[in-house]
Amino acid sequence: MQRAIVRVLNLAQPRILFFAVPNGGARSASEGGRFKAMGVLAGVADLVLVSHDGRALFLELKAKGGRQSPAQADFEHACAVSCAPYAVASNLDEALAIVRGWFPEVSFPRVSFPRT
């Protein structure tokens, strides 16, 4: 799903500034400690989008039946306290609806994706 969302975001007009947060994957304890010291934060959303007025918007993507980890729920709470928009999507249509809601002025292409 993330690759599909990225594909749509890359085709949006006007452009949307966004980036992925590659927090997943196994790490050794020493590597995890180094990352934490560099400011890596557990639970950060999968995609960070920047609104055209400069606000950070956080989109967490979950596979069907997936749930937030405790760290992700903590990050969602931190976003709420900071008044930073945060949303969780569990399928492509839901993710696109969220992004369209955040960027009503943006034209998104009609792109078809194979459903899995």
N, C-alpha and C. Protein backbone atom coordinates (compact mmCIF):
# COMPACT_ATOMS: atom_id res chain seq x y z
N MET A 1 0.82 -1.20 0.00
CA MET A 1 0.00 0.00 0.00
C MET A 1 0.86 1.26 0.00
N GLN A 2 1.97 1.25 0.74
CA GLN A 2 2.79 2.46 0.83
C GLN A 2 3.33 2.85 -0.54
N ARG A 3 3.76 1.89 -1.32
CA ARG A 3 4.28 2.21 -2.65
C ARG A 3 3.19 2.82 -3.54
N ALA A 4 1.97 2.34 -3.39
CA ALA A 4 0.86 2.90 -4.18
C ALA A 4 0.58 4.35 -3.78
N ILE A 5 0.57 4.62 -2.49
CA ILE A 5 0.36 6.00 -2.01
C ILE A 5 1.48 6.90 -2.52
N VAL A 6 2.71 6.43 -2.42
CA VAL A 6 3.85 7.22 -2.89
C VAL A 6 3.72 7.50 -4.38
N ARG A 7 3.28 6.52 -5.14
CA ARG A 7 3.09 6.73 -6.58
C ARG A 7 2.09 7.85 -6.84
N VAL A 8 0.97 7.85 -6.13
CA VAL A 8 -0.03 8.91 -6.31
C VAL A 8 0.54 10.25 -5.86
N LEU A 9 1.22 10.29 -4.73
CA LEU A 9 1.78 11.55 -4.24
C LEU A 9 2.80 12.12 -5.22
N ASN A 10 3.57 11.26 -5.86
CA ASN A 10 4.57 11.73 -6.83
C ASN A 10 3.93 12.33 -8.08
N LEU A 11 2.68 11.99 -8.35
CA LEU A 11 1.99 12.50 -9.54
C LEU A 11 1.07 13.67 -9.23
N ALA A 12 0.91 14.01 -7.97
CA ALA A 12 -0.01 15.08 -7.57
C ALA A 12 0.46 16.43 -8.09
N GLN A 13 -0.52 17.29 -8.41
CA GLN A 13 -0.23 18.65 -8.87
C GLN A 13 -1.11 19.62 -8.11
N PRO A 14 -0.63 20.69 -7.49
CA PRO A 14 0.80 20.95 -7.35
C PRO A 14 1.47 19.92 -6.45
N ARG A 15 2.76 19.88 -6.53
CA ARG A 15 3.55 18.89 -5.82
C ARG A 15 3.30 18.94 -4.32
N ILE A 16 3.41 17.78 -3.70
CA ILE A 16 3.33 17.65 -2.24
C ILE A 16 4.69 17.20 -1.75
N LEU A 17 5.23 17.92 -0.79
CA LEU A 17 6.48 17.51 -0.16
C LEU A 17 6.14 16.43 0.85
N PHE A 18 6.79 15.29 0.74
CA PHE A 18 6.57 14.18 1.67
C PHE A 18 7.81 13.32 1.73
N PHE A 19 7.87 12.50 2.76
CA PHE A 19 8.96 11.53 2.86
C PHE A 19 8.52 10.37 3.74
N ALA A 20 9.19 9.24 3.53
CA ALA A 20 8.93 8.05 4.32
C ALA A 20 9.87 8.04 5.51
N VAL A 21 9.42 7.41 6.58
CA VAL A 21 10.25 7.25 7.79
C VAL A 21 10.57 5.76 7.90
N PRO A 22 11.80 5.38 7.57
CA PRO A 22 12.16 3.95 7.58
C PRO A 22 12.55 3.45 8.97
N ASN A 23 11.60 3.43 9.87
CA ASN A 23 11.87 3.01 11.25
C ASN A 23 11.83 1.51 11.44
N GLY A 24 11.24 0.78 10.51
CA GLY A 24 11.07 -0.66 10.69
C GLY A 24 12.36 -1.44 10.53
N GLY A 25 12.27 -2.70 10.79
CA GLY A 25 13.42 -3.59 10.60
C GLY A 25 14.13 -3.91 11.90
N ALA A 26 14.82 -5.03 11.86
CA ALA A 26 15.57 -5.48 13.04
C ALA A 26 16.89 -4.73 13.14
N ARG A 27 17.26 -4.40 14.35
CA ARG A 27 18.53 -3.72 14.61
C ARG A 27 19.16 -4.33 15.85
N SER A 28 20.46 -4.27 15.88
CA SER A 28 21.15 -4.71 17.09
C SER A 28 20.93 -3.67 18.18
N ALA A 29 21.19 -4.05 19.42
CA ALA A 29 21.03 -3.12 20.54
C ALA A 29 21.94 -1.91 20.37
N SER A 30 23.17 -2.13 19.92
CA SER A 30 24.09 -1.00 19.76
C SER A 30 23.64 -0.07 18.63
N GLU A 31 23.16 -0.65 17.54
CA GLU A 31 22.66 0.18 16.44
C GLU A 31 21.41 0.95 16.87
N GLY A 32 20.53 0.28 17.61
CA GLY A 32 19.34 0.96 18.12
C GLY A 32 19.71 2.12 19.04
N GLY A 33 20.71 1.91 19.88
CA GLY A 33 21.18 2.98 20.76
C GLY A 33 21.75 4.15 19.98
N ARG A 34 22.51 3.86 18.93
CA ARG A 34 23.07 4.92 18.09
C ARG A 34 21.95 5.71 17.42
N PHE A 35 20.96 4.99 16.88
CA PHE A 35 19.85 5.66 16.21
C PHE A 35 19.08 6.55 17.19
N LYS A 36 18.83 6.03 18.39
CA LYS A 36 18.11 6.81 19.40
C LYS A 36 18.89 8.08 19.75
N ALA A 37 20.21 7.96 19.87
CA ALA A 37 21.05 9.11 20.17
C ALA A 37 21.02 10.15 19.05
N MET A 38 20.75 9.69 17.82
CA MET A 38 20.68 10.60 16.68
C MET A 38 19.29 11.20 16.50
N GLY A 39 18.34 10.82 17.38
CA GLY A 39 17.01 11.41 17.33
C GLY A 39 15.94 10.54 16.68
N VAL A 40 16.27 9.30 16.32
CA VAL A 40 15.25 8.42 15.77
C VAL A 40 14.24 8.13 16.87
N LEU A 41 12.97 8.23 16.53
CA LEU A 41 11.90 8.08 17.50
C LEU A 41 11.04 6.88 17.12
N ALA A 42 10.90 5.94 18.02
CA ALA A 42 10.06 4.77 17.77
C ALA A 42 8.60 5.20 17.61
N GLY A 43 7.91 4.55 16.69
CA GLY A 43 6.48 4.80 16.54
C GLY A 43 6.09 5.90 15.57
N VAL A 44 7.07 6.58 14.99
CA VAL A 44 6.76 7.66 14.04
C VAL A 44 5.98 7.07 12.86
N ALA A 45 5.04 7.83 12.34
CA ALA A 45 4.20 7.38 11.24
C ALA A 45 5.03 7.02 10.01
N ASP A 46 4.45 6.21 9.13
CA ASP A 46 5.15 5.75 7.93
C ASP A 46 5.48 6.87 6.95
N LEU A 47 4.55 7.81 6.79
CA LEU A 47 4.75 8.92 5.86
C LEU A 47 4.54 10.24 6.58
N VAL A 48 5.40 11.20 6.26
CA VAL A 48 5.24 12.57 6.74
C VAL A 48 5.02 13.43 5.51
N LEU A 49 3.91 14.13 5.51
CA LEU A 49 3.59 15.04 4.42
C LEU A 49 3.65 16.46 4.97
N VAL A 50 4.03 17.40 4.14
CA VAL A 50 4.11 18.79 4.56
C VAL A 50 3.02 19.56 3.82
N SER A 51 2.12 20.17 4.60
CA SER A 51 1.03 20.93 3.99
C SER A 51 1.60 22.16 3.30
N HIS A 52 0.81 22.76 2.44
CA HIS A 52 1.29 23.94 1.72
C HIS A 52 1.43 25.16 2.61
N ASP A 53 0.95 25.07 3.86
CA ASP A 53 1.21 26.15 4.81
C ASP A 53 2.29 25.75 5.83
N GLY A 54 2.99 24.65 5.56
CA GLY A 54 4.16 24.29 6.35
C GLY A 54 3.94 23.35 7.52
N ARG A 55 2.72 22.84 7.71
CA ARG A 55 2.47 21.92 8.82
C ARG A 55 2.86 20.50 8.45
N ALA A 56 3.34 19.76 9.43
CA ALA A 56 3.63 18.34 9.24
C ALA A 56 2.35 17.54 9.45
N LEU A 57 2.11 16.59 8.56
CA LEU A 57 0.94 15.70 8.61
C LEU A 57 1.47 14.27 8.63
N PHE A 58 0.94 13.46 9.53
CA PHE A 58 1.49 12.12 9.74
C PHE A 58 0.47 11.06 9.33
N LEU A 59 0.91 10.14 8.46
CA LEU A 59 0.04 9.07 7.98
C LEU A 59 0.65 7.71 8.30
N GLU A 60 -0.03 6.96 9.13
CA GLU A 60 0.38 5.59 9.49
C GLU A 60 -0.41 4.63 8.61
N LEU A 61 0.28 3.69 8.00
CA LEU A 61 -0.34 2.72 7.12
C LEU A 61 -0.31 1.35 7.77
N LYS A 62 -1.45 0.71 7.82
CA LYS A 62 -1.57 -0.61 8.45
C LYS A 62 -2.12 -1.60 7.44
N ALA A 63 -1.54 -2.78 7.44
CA ALA A 63 -2.09 -3.86 6.62
C ALA A 63 -3.45 -4.24 7.19
N LYS A 64 -4.25 -4.88 6.37
CA LYS A 64 -5.57 -5.32 6.82
C LYS A 64 -5.43 -6.12 8.11
N GLY A 65 -6.18 -5.69 9.13
CA GLY A 65 -6.13 -6.37 10.42
C GLY A 65 -4.97 -5.93 11.30
N GLY A 66 -4.11 -5.05 10.79
CA GLY A 66 -2.97 -4.58 11.58
C GLY A 66 -3.39 -3.59 12.65
N ARG A 67 -2.61 -3.54 13.71
CA ARG A 67 -2.88 -2.62 14.82
C ARG A 67 -1.64 -1.80 15.12
N GLN A 68 -1.86 -0.65 15.72
CA GLN A 68 -0.74 0.18 16.14
C GLN A 68 0.01 -0.52 17.27
N SER A 69 1.31 -0.33 17.26
CA SER A 69 2.12 -0.77 18.39
C SER A 69 1.94 0.25 19.51
N PRO A 70 2.34 -0.09 20.73
CA PRO A 70 2.28 0.91 21.81
C PRO A 70 3.07 2.18 21.47
N ALA A 71 4.23 2.03 20.82
CA ALA A 71 5.02 3.21 20.45
C ALA A 71 4.28 4.07 19.43
N GLN A 72 3.56 3.43 18.50
CA GLN A 72 2.79 4.18 17.51
C GLN A 72 1.62 4.90 18.16
N ALA A 73 0.97 4.25 19.11
CA ALA A 73 -0.13 4.91 19.84
C ALA A 73 0.41 6.09 20.65
N ASP A 74 1.59 5.94 21.24
CA ASP A 74 2.21 7.04 21.97
C ASP A 74 2.51 8.21 21.03
N PHE A 75 3.00 7.89 19.82
CA PHE A 75 3.31 8.94 18.86
C PHE A 75 2.03 9.65 18.42
N GLU A 76 0.95 8.88 18.20
CA GLU A 76 -0.33 9.50 17.85
C GLU A 76 -0.78 10.46 18.96
N HIS A 77 -0.62 10.05 20.20
CA HIS A 77 -0.98 10.92 21.33
C HIS A 77 -0.12 12.18 21.33
N ALA A 78 1.18 12.03 21.10
CA ALA A 78 2.07 13.19 21.05
C ALA A 78 1.65 14.14 19.93
N CYS A 79 1.20 13.61 18.81
CA CYS A 79 0.71 14.45 17.72
C CYS A 79 -0.53 15.21 18.16
N ALA A 80 -1.44 14.53 18.84
CA ALA A 80 -2.67 15.18 19.31
C ALA A 80 -2.34 16.31 20.28
N VAL A 81 -1.43 16.07 21.19
CA VAL A 81 -1.03 17.10 22.16
C VAL A 81 -0.39 18.29 21.44
N SER A 82 0.32 18.01 20.33
CA SER A 82 0.99 19.06 19.57
C SER A 82 0.11 19.67 18.48
N CYS A 83 -1.15 19.22 18.40
CA CYS A 83 -2.08 19.67 17.36
C CYS A 83 -1.58 19.36 15.95
N ALA A 84 -0.83 18.27 15.82
CA ALA A 84 -0.33 17.83 14.51
C ALA A 84 -1.28 16.78 13.94
N PRO A 85 -1.77 16.99 12.74
CA PRO A 85 -2.67 16.00 12.15
C PRO A 85 -2.01 14.63 12.01
N TYR A 86 -2.75 13.59 12.39
CA TYR A 86 -2.28 12.22 12.36
C TYR A 86 -3.46 11.35 11.96
N ALA A 87 -3.21 10.39 11.09
CA ALA A 87 -4.28 9.48 10.68
C ALA A 87 -3.71 8.10 10.42
N VAL A 88 -4.56 7.11 10.60
CA VAL A 88 -4.21 5.72 10.32
C VAL A 88 -5.11 5.23 9.20
N ALA A 89 -4.51 4.61 8.19
CA ALA A 89 -5.27 4.05 7.09
C ALA A 89 -4.97 2.56 7.00
N SER A 90 -6.03 1.79 6.75
CA SER A 90 -5.85 0.35 6.67
C SER A 90 -6.05 -0.20 5.26
N ASN A 91 -6.32 0.69 4.31
CA ASN A 91 -6.38 0.27 2.91
C ASN A 91 -6.10 1.47 2.02
N LEU A 92 -5.90 1.21 0.75
CA LEU A 92 -5.53 2.25 -0.19
C LEU A 92 -6.59 3.34 -0.31
N ASP A 93 -7.86 2.94 -0.43
CA ASP A 93 -8.93 3.94 -0.57
C ASP A 93 -8.99 4.86 0.65
N GLU A 94 -8.84 4.29 1.82
CA GLU A 94 -8.86 5.09 3.05
C GLU A 94 -7.68 6.05 3.09
N ALA A 95 -6.49 5.58 2.72
CA ALA A 95 -5.31 6.44 2.71
C ALA A 95 -5.47 7.59 1.72
N LEU A 96 -5.99 7.29 0.53
CA LEU A 96 -6.19 8.34 -0.47
C LEU A 96 -7.24 9.35 -0.01
N ALA A 97 -8.29 8.88 0.66
CA ALA A 97 -9.30 9.80 1.17
C ALA A 97 -8.70 10.74 2.21
N ILE A 98 -7.85 10.22 3.07
CA ILE A 98 -7.19 11.06 4.09
C ILE A 98 -6.32 12.11 3.42
N VAL A 99 -5.51 11.70 2.47
CA VAL A 99 -4.61 12.64 1.79
C VAL A 99 -5.41 13.68 1.02
N ARG A 100 -6.47 13.26 0.35
CA ARG A 100 -7.32 14.23 -0.37
C ARG A 100 -7.95 15.23 0.60
N GLY A 101 -8.33 14.76 1.79
CA GLY A 101 -8.87 15.67 2.79
C GLY A 101 -7.85 16.68 3.27
N TRP A 102 -6.62 16.25 3.40
CA TRP A 102 -5.56 17.16 3.84
C TRP A 102 -5.15 18.14 2.74
N PHE A 103 -5.33 17.76 1.48
CA PHE A 103 -4.88 18.57 0.34
C PHE A 103 -6.02 18.76 -0.66
N PRO A 104 -7.08 19.49 -0.25
CA PRO A 104 -8.22 19.65 -1.17
C PRO A 104 -7.87 20.45 -2.43
N GLU A 105 -6.81 21.24 -2.37
CA GLU A 105 -6.44 22.07 -3.52
C GLU A 105 -5.59 21.31 -4.54
N VAL A 106 -5.23 20.07 -4.24
CA VAL A 106 -4.33 19.31 -5.09
C VAL A 106 -5.13 18.39 -6.00
N SER A 107 -4.66 18.30 -7.23
CA SER A 107 -5.25 17.38 -8.20
C SER A 107 -4.48 16.06 -8.15
N PHE A 108 -5.22 15.00 -7.88
CA PHE A 108 -4.60 13.67 -7.83
C PHE A 108 -5.02 12.90 -9.07
N PRO A 109 -4.07 12.23 -9.70
CA PRO A 109 -4.40 11.46 -10.93
C PRO A 109 -5.23 10.24 -10.59
N ARG A 110 -5.97 9.80 -11.55
CA ARG A 110 -6.68 8.52 -11.43
C ARG A 110 -5.66 7.45 -11.79
N VAL A 111 -5.28 6.67 -10.84
CA VAL A 111 -4.29 5.62 -11.04
C VAL A 111 -4.93 4.31 -10.61
N SER A 112 -4.79 3.30 -11.44
CA SER A 112 -5.36 2.01 -11.04
C SER A 112 -4.24 1.12 -10.51
N PHE A 113 -4.57 0.37 -9.50
CA PHE A 113 -3.64 -0.52 -8.85
C PHE A 113 -4.28 -1.90 -8.76
N PRO A 114 -3.48 -2.93 -8.95
CA PRO A 114 -4.04 -4.27 -8.74
C PRO A 114 -4.40 -4.45 -7.27
N ARG A 115 -5.57 -4.98 -7.00
CA ARG A 115 -6.00 -5.23 -5.63
C ARG A 115 -5.45 -6.59 -5.19
N THR A 116 -4.87 -6.61 -4.02
CA THR A 116 -4.33 -7.88 -3.52
C THR A 116 -5.10 -8.35 -2.32
